[in-house]
Amino acid sequence: MKNLVCPISDQRVNEQVTRLNAMFTIGIVVLAFALNSVLLFIFLMADFFIRAFTEIKFSPINFASHYMSHTLNLPIRMIDKAPKVFAARLGFLMTTVIAGLFIFSFKIASVVVAGILIFFASLEFLLAVCVGCMIYTYLVLPFYKK
């Protein structure tokens, strides 16, 4: 894990908030399947889009995570923002695929992709492991080094 290379920036975010974002993502994906609701996947796509591709300070999930972190008085631990933006882009891509598969009634395929997203989000939420950094190191960075 020490050989991982993450995208870097001069901006910082609270790690507690990013972990809570992951928790909310897990809950929304599970709820979307439980309620058989494509609207929840579209909501999650929009939220990831805001976090990944805009300069808007708070997406709905990010706002809820900030509020919860403040309410629970969780300790602030600032980390680099760039890996979290990259992870949000991956989340946007994955939720787009999940929503598309769900809309076209490829339920098993959508569950598989959602399971992967839940696994990644669980690693972030429970262990603060950023799978985005692993994907960046092994799948993106080699194309830039050539």
Protein backbone atom coordinates (compact mmCIF):
# COMPACT_ATOMS: atom_id res chain seq x y z
CA MET A 1 0.00 0.00 0.00
CA LYS A 2 2.96 2.33 0.48
CA ASN A 3 3.64 2.34 -3.26
CA LEU A 4 0.26 3.87 -4.09
CA VAL A 5 0.27 7.15 -5.96
CA CYS A 6 -2.80 9.33 -5.56
CA PRO A 7 -3.68 12.48 -7.46
CA ILE A 8 -2.75 15.48 -5.32
CA SER A 9 -4.02 19.02 -4.90
CA ASP A 10 -3.57 21.93 -2.54
CA GLN A 11 -7.17 21.61 -1.33
CA ARG A 12 -8.06 19.67 1.82
CA VAL A 13 -11.22 17.97 3.10
CA ASN A 14 -12.24 16.46 6.42
CA GLU A 15 -11.72 12.69 6.32
CA GLN A 16 -14.66 12.16 8.69
CA VAL A 17 -16.96 13.80 6.14
CA THR A 18 -15.68 11.61 3.29
CA ARG A 19 -16.22 8.51 5.39
CA LEU A 20 -19.77 9.62 6.19
CA ASN A 21 -20.32 10.28 2.46
CA ALA A 22 -19.43 6.62 1.90
CA MET A 23 -21.88 5.54 4.59
CA PHE A 24 -24.69 7.54 2.98
CA THR A 25 -23.79 6.10 -0.43
CA ILE A 26 -24.11 2.56 0.93
CA GLY A 27 -27.48 3.38 2.49
CA ILE A 28 -28.87 4.99 -0.65
CA VAL A 29 -27.80 2.11 -2.90
CA VAL A 30 -29.36 -0.46 -0.57
CA LEU A 31 -32.52 1.65 -0.22
CA ALA A 32 -32.76 2.07 -4.00
CA PHE A 33 -32.83 -1.69 -4.49
CA ALA A 34 -35.18 -2.23 -1.54
CA LEU A 35 -37.64 0.32 -2.93
CA ASN A 36 -36.98 -0.66 -6.57
CA SER A 37 -36.38 3.06 -7.26
CA VAL A 38 -34.30 4.35 -10.14
CA LEU A 39 -34.84 7.87 -8.76
CA LEU A 40 -32.51 7.15 -5.86
CA PHE A 41 -29.80 6.06 -8.30
CA ILE A 42 -30.34 9.27 -10.27
CA PHE A 43 -30.11 11.27 -7.03
CA LEU A 44 -26.82 9.50 -6.20
CA MET A 45 -25.53 10.16 -9.74
CA ALA A 46 -26.33 13.85 -9.37
CA ASP A 47 -24.64 13.98 -5.99
CA PHE A 48 -21.47 12.32 -7.33
CA PHE A 49 -21.57 14.68 -10.32
CA ILE A 50 -21.65 17.72 -8.04
CA ARG A 51 -18.73 16.42 -5.97
CA ALA A 52 -16.70 15.29 -8.98
CA PHE A 53 -17.18 17.90 -11.66
CA THR A 54 -18.30 21.18 -10.07
CA GLU A 55 -16.92 23.76 -7.68
CA ILE A 56 -20.11 23.73 -5.61
CA LYS A 57 -19.04 23.41 -1.98
CA PHE A 58 -21.79 21.04 -0.83
CA SER A 59 -23.68 18.28 -2.57
CA PRO A 60 -26.77 17.02 -0.69
CA ILE A 61 -24.91 14.02 0.74
CA ASN A 62 -21.85 16.11 1.54
CA PHE A 63 -24.05 18.64 3.36
CA ALA A 64 -25.65 15.85 5.42
CA SER A 65 -22.21 14.42 6.19
CA HIS A 66 -20.89 17.82 7.33
CA TYR A 67 -23.96 18.29 9.51
CA MET A 68 -23.64 14.82 11.03
CA SER A 69 -19.91 15.22 11.64
CA HIS A 70 -20.52 18.53 13.39
CA THR A 71 -23.48 17.20 15.39
CA LEU A 72 -21.55 14.13 16.55
CA ASN A 73 -18.54 16.33 17.30
CA LEU A 74 -16.23 14.03 15.33
CA PRO A 75 -12.55 15.01 15.32
CA ILE A 76 -11.39 16.92 12.24
CA ARG A 77 -8.67 15.21 10.22
CA MET A 78 -7.81 17.05 7.03
CA ILE A 79 -6.70 15.02 3.99
CA ASP A 80 -5.96 15.75 0.35
CA LYS A 81 -9.08 16.44 -1.72
CA ALA A 82 -7.86 15.18 -5.12
CA PRO A 83 -8.17 11.43 -4.39
CA LYS A 84 -11.71 12.01 -3.14
CA VAL A 85 -12.61 13.90 -6.33
CA PHE A 86 -11.20 11.02 -8.39
CA ALA A 87 -13.21 8.57 -6.26
CA ALA A 88 -16.35 10.69 -6.80
CA ARG A 89 -15.76 10.47 -10.56
CA LEU A 90 -15.55 6.69 -10.27
CA GLY A 91 -18.72 6.76 -8.16
CA PHE A 92 -20.47 8.83 -10.81
CA LEU A 93 -19.41 6.36 -13.51
CA MET A 94 -20.52 3.38 -11.45
CA THR A 95 -23.91 4.87 -10.52
CA THR A 96 -24.48 5.80 -14.16
CA VAL A 97 -23.85 2.18 -15.13
CA ILE A 98 -26.05 0.92 -12.28
CA ALA A 99 -28.92 3.24 -13.26
CA GLY A 100 -28.63 2.27 -16.94
CA LEU A 101 -28.63 -1.44 -16.16
CA PHE A 102 -31.51 -0.95 -13.72
CA ILE A 103 -33.60 1.02 -16.23
CA PHE A 104 -33.08 -1.61 -18.95
CA SER A 105 -34.03 -4.42 -16.51
CA PHE A 106 -30.58 -5.97 -16.23
CA LYS A 107 -31.21 -6.41 -12.51
CA ILE A 108 -28.48 -8.96 -11.78
CA ALA A 109 -25.83 -6.92 -13.58
CA SER A 110 -26.93 -3.78 -11.73
CA VAL A 111 -26.71 -5.64 -8.41
CA VAL A 112 -23.18 -6.82 -9.26
CA VAL A 113 -21.96 -3.29 -10.10
CA ALA A 114 -23.76 -1.94 -7.03
CA GLY A 115 -22.09 -4.62 -4.92
CA ILE A 116 -18.70 -3.42 -6.14
CA LEU A 117 -19.64 0.19 -5.33
CA ILE A 118 -20.83 -0.87 -1.87
CA PHE A 119 -17.58 -2.80 -1.32
CA PHE A 120 -15.49 0.25 -2.27
CA ALA A 121 -17.62 2.56 -0.11
CA SER A 122 -17.43 0.11 2.80
CA LEU A 123 -13.63 0.12 2.65
CA GLU A 124 -13.69 3.92 2.79
CA PHE A 125 -16.28 4.09 5.57
CA LEU A 126 -14.93 1.35 7.82
CA LEU A 127 -11.17 1.39 7.17
CA ALA A 128 -10.45 4.73 5.43
CA VAL A 129 -9.06 2.77 2.48
CA CYS A 130 -9.34 4.72 -0.78
CA VAL A 131 -9.80 2.27 -3.63
CA GLY A 132 -9.66 5.27 -5.98
CA CYS A 133 -5.95 5.56 -5.18
CA MET A 134 -5.41 1.91 -6.08
CA ILE A 135 -7.29 2.30 -9.35
CA TYR A 136 -5.40 5.51 -10.13
CA THR A 137 -2.03 3.86 -9.40
CA TYR A 138 -2.55 0.66 -11.38
CA LEU A 139 -4.99 1.63 -14.15
CA VAL A 140 -4.62 5.36 -14.84
CA LEU A 141 -1.05 6.37 -14.00
CA PRO A 142 0.67 3.80 -16.29
CA PHE A 143 -0.96 5.49 -19.31
CA TYR A 144 0.45 8.87 -18.29
CA LYS A 145 4.00 7.58 -17.76
CA LYS A 146 4.39 6.37 -21.35
